[in-house]
Amino acid sequence: MERSLLQRVEAFLKEAQMPPTVFGRASVRDPRLVSDLRGGREPGRRMIGRVEHFMNMWRETHRGAAPRRERGAR
């Protein structure tokens, strides 16, 4: 069974250590995207395509990069 867009986005946020508002703004110019998806928003095919494209491009750009450290971690 294919995972929902929200499940894929949640996994990406964890992988990228990216705040939801930054993700929404960067992917579809909507800082409330993730909050709205969590609240039941049903995205259209075009939006799904834009979100998937952003995640794929981010992964391609960051492949092999050192993992980001959490703020305050030493």
C-alpha atoms as a PDB file:
ATOM      1  CA  MET A   1       0.000   0.000   0.000  1.00  0.00           C
ATOM      2  CA  GLU A   2       1.359   3.414  -0.938  1.00  0.00           C
ATOM      3  CA  ARG A   3       2.030   5.834   1.879  1.00  0.00           C
ATOM      4  CA  SER A   4       0.015   9.037   1.933  1.00  0.00           C
ATOM      5  CA  LEU A   5       1.599  12.361   1.049  1.00  0.00           C
ATOM      6  CA  LEU A   6       1.468  13.344   4.714  1.00  0.00           C
ATOM      7  CA  GLN A   7       3.344  10.188   5.739  1.00  0.00           C
ATOM      8  CA  ARG A   8       6.009  10.849   3.106  1.00  0.00           C
ATOM      9  CA  VAL A   9       6.319  14.490   4.173  1.00  0.00           C
ATOM     10  CA  GLU A  10       6.584  13.557   7.863  1.00  0.00           C
ATOM     11  CA  ALA A  11       9.373  11.085   7.055  1.00  0.00           C
ATOM     12  CA  PHE A  12      11.136  13.728   4.956  1.00  0.00           C
ATOM     13  CA  LEU A  13      10.918  16.333   7.739  1.00  0.00           C
ATOM     14  CA  LYS A  14      12.594  13.911  10.114  1.00  0.00           C
ATOM     15  CA  GLU A  15      15.232  12.930   7.539  1.00  0.00           C
ATOM     16  CA  ALA A  16      16.023  16.534   6.588  1.00  0.00           C
ATOM     17  CA  GLN A  17      15.631  17.900  10.122  1.00  0.00           C
ATOM     18  CA  MET A  18      13.546  20.638   8.538  1.00  0.00           C
ATOM     19  CA  PRO A  19      10.809  22.607  10.304  1.00  0.00           C
ATOM     20  CA  PRO A  20       7.342  22.159   8.767  1.00  0.00           C
ATOM     21  CA  THR A  21       6.936  25.851   7.919  1.00  0.00           C
ATOM     22  CA  VAL A  22      10.285  25.954   6.111  1.00  0.00           C
ATOM     23  CA  PHE A  23       9.296  22.858   4.136  1.00  0.00           C
ATOM     24  CA  GLY A  24       5.938  24.288   3.122  1.00  0.00           C
ATOM     25  CA  ARG A  25       7.392  27.617   2.082  1.00  0.00           C
ATOM     26  CA  ALA A  26      10.233  25.999   0.114  1.00  0.00           C
ATOM     27  CA  SER A  27       8.112  23.367  -1.620  1.00  0.00           C
ATOM     28  CA  VAL A  28       4.871  25.173  -2.490  1.00  0.00           C
ATOM     29  CA  ARG A  29       5.237  28.688  -1.045  1.00  0.00           C
ATOM     30  CA  ASP A  30       2.759  27.882   1.739  1.00  0.00           C
ATOM     31  CA  PRO A  31       4.162  27.844   5.287  1.00  0.00           C
ATOM     32  CA  ARG A  32       0.916  26.252   6.548  1.00  0.00           C
ATOM     33  CA  LEU A  33       1.072  23.274   4.173  1.00  0.00           C
ATOM     34  CA  VAL A  34       2.129  20.644   6.714  1.00  0.00           C
ATOM     35  CA  SER A  35      -0.242  21.967   9.364  1.00  0.00           C
ATOM     36  CA  ASP A  36      -3.088  21.878   6.856  1.00  0.00           C
ATOM     37  CA  LEU A  37      -2.186  18.345   5.712  1.00  0.00           C
ATOM     38  CA  ARG A  38      -2.169  17.240   9.343  1.00  0.00           C
ATOM     39  CA  GLY A  39      -5.616  18.802   9.666  1.00  0.00           C
ATOM     40  CA  GLY A  40      -7.009  16.833   6.727  1.00  0.00           C
ATOM     41  CA  ARG A  41      -6.260  19.026   3.692  1.00  0.00           C
ATOM     42  CA  GLU A  42      -6.490  17.019   0.467  1.00  0.00           C
ATOM     43  CA  PRO A  43      -3.857  18.247  -1.999  1.00  0.00           C
ATOM     44  CA  GLY A  44      -4.406  18.101  -5.747  1.00  0.00           C
ATOM     45  CA  ARG A  45      -2.179  16.269  -8.212  1.00  0.00           C
ATOM     46  CA  ARG A  46      -0.269  19.425  -9.093  1.00  0.00           C
ATOM     47  CA  MET A  47       0.587  20.166  -5.468  1.00  0.00           C
ATOM     48  CA  ILE A  48       1.576  16.549  -4.840  1.00  0.00           C
ATOM     49  CA  GLY A  49       3.895  16.776  -7.833  1.00  0.00           C
ATOM     50  CA  ARG A  50       5.495  19.983  -6.560  1.00  0.00           C
ATOM     51  CA  VAL A  51       6.020  18.528  -3.081  1.00  0.00           C
ATOM     52  CA  GLU A  52       7.483  15.286  -4.444  1.00  0.00           C
ATOM     53  CA  HIS A  53       9.755  17.243  -6.798  1.00  0.00           C
ATOM     54  CA  PHE A  54      11.048  19.380  -3.922  1.00  0.00           C
ATOM     55  CA  MET A  55      11.802  16.339  -1.750  1.00  0.00           C
ATOM     56  CA  ASN A  56      13.555  14.544  -4.620  1.00  0.00           C
ATOM     57  CA  MET A  57      15.658  17.595  -5.511  1.00  0.00           C
ATOM     58  CA  TRP A  58      16.581  18.183  -1.863  1.00  0.00           C
ATOM     59  CA  ARG A  59      17.698  14.569  -1.494  1.00  0.00           C
ATOM     60  CA  GLU A  60      19.714  14.769  -4.703  1.00  0.00           C
ATOM     61  CA  THR A  61      21.416  17.973  -3.526  1.00  0.00           C
ATOM     62  CA  HIS A  62      22.135  16.660  -0.026  1.00  0.00           C
ATOM     63  CA  ARG A  63      23.128  13.093  -0.905  1.00  0.00           C
ATOM     64  CA  GLY A  64      26.376  12.223   0.848  1.00  0.00           C
ATOM     65  CA  ALA A  65      26.394  15.434   2.879  1.00  0.00           C
ATOM     66  CA  ALA A  66      27.297  15.217   6.550  1.00  0.00           C
ATOM     67  CA  PRO A  67      24.212  14.913   8.775  1.00  0.00           C
ATOM     68  CA  ARG A  68      23.092  18.158  10.376  1.00  0.00           C
ATOM     69  CA  ARG A  69      23.616  18.528  14.102  1.00  0.00           C
ATOM     70  CA  GLU A  70      20.828  19.548  16.420  1.00  0.00           C
ATOM     71  CA  ARG A  71      21.107  23.021  17.893  1.00  0.00           C
ATOM     72  CA  GLY A  72      22.904  22.969  21.195  1.00  0.00           C
ATOM     73  CA  ALA A  73      24.315  19.474  20.598  1.00  0.00           C
ATOM     74  CA  ARG A  74      28.016  19.030  21.220  1.00  0.00           C
END
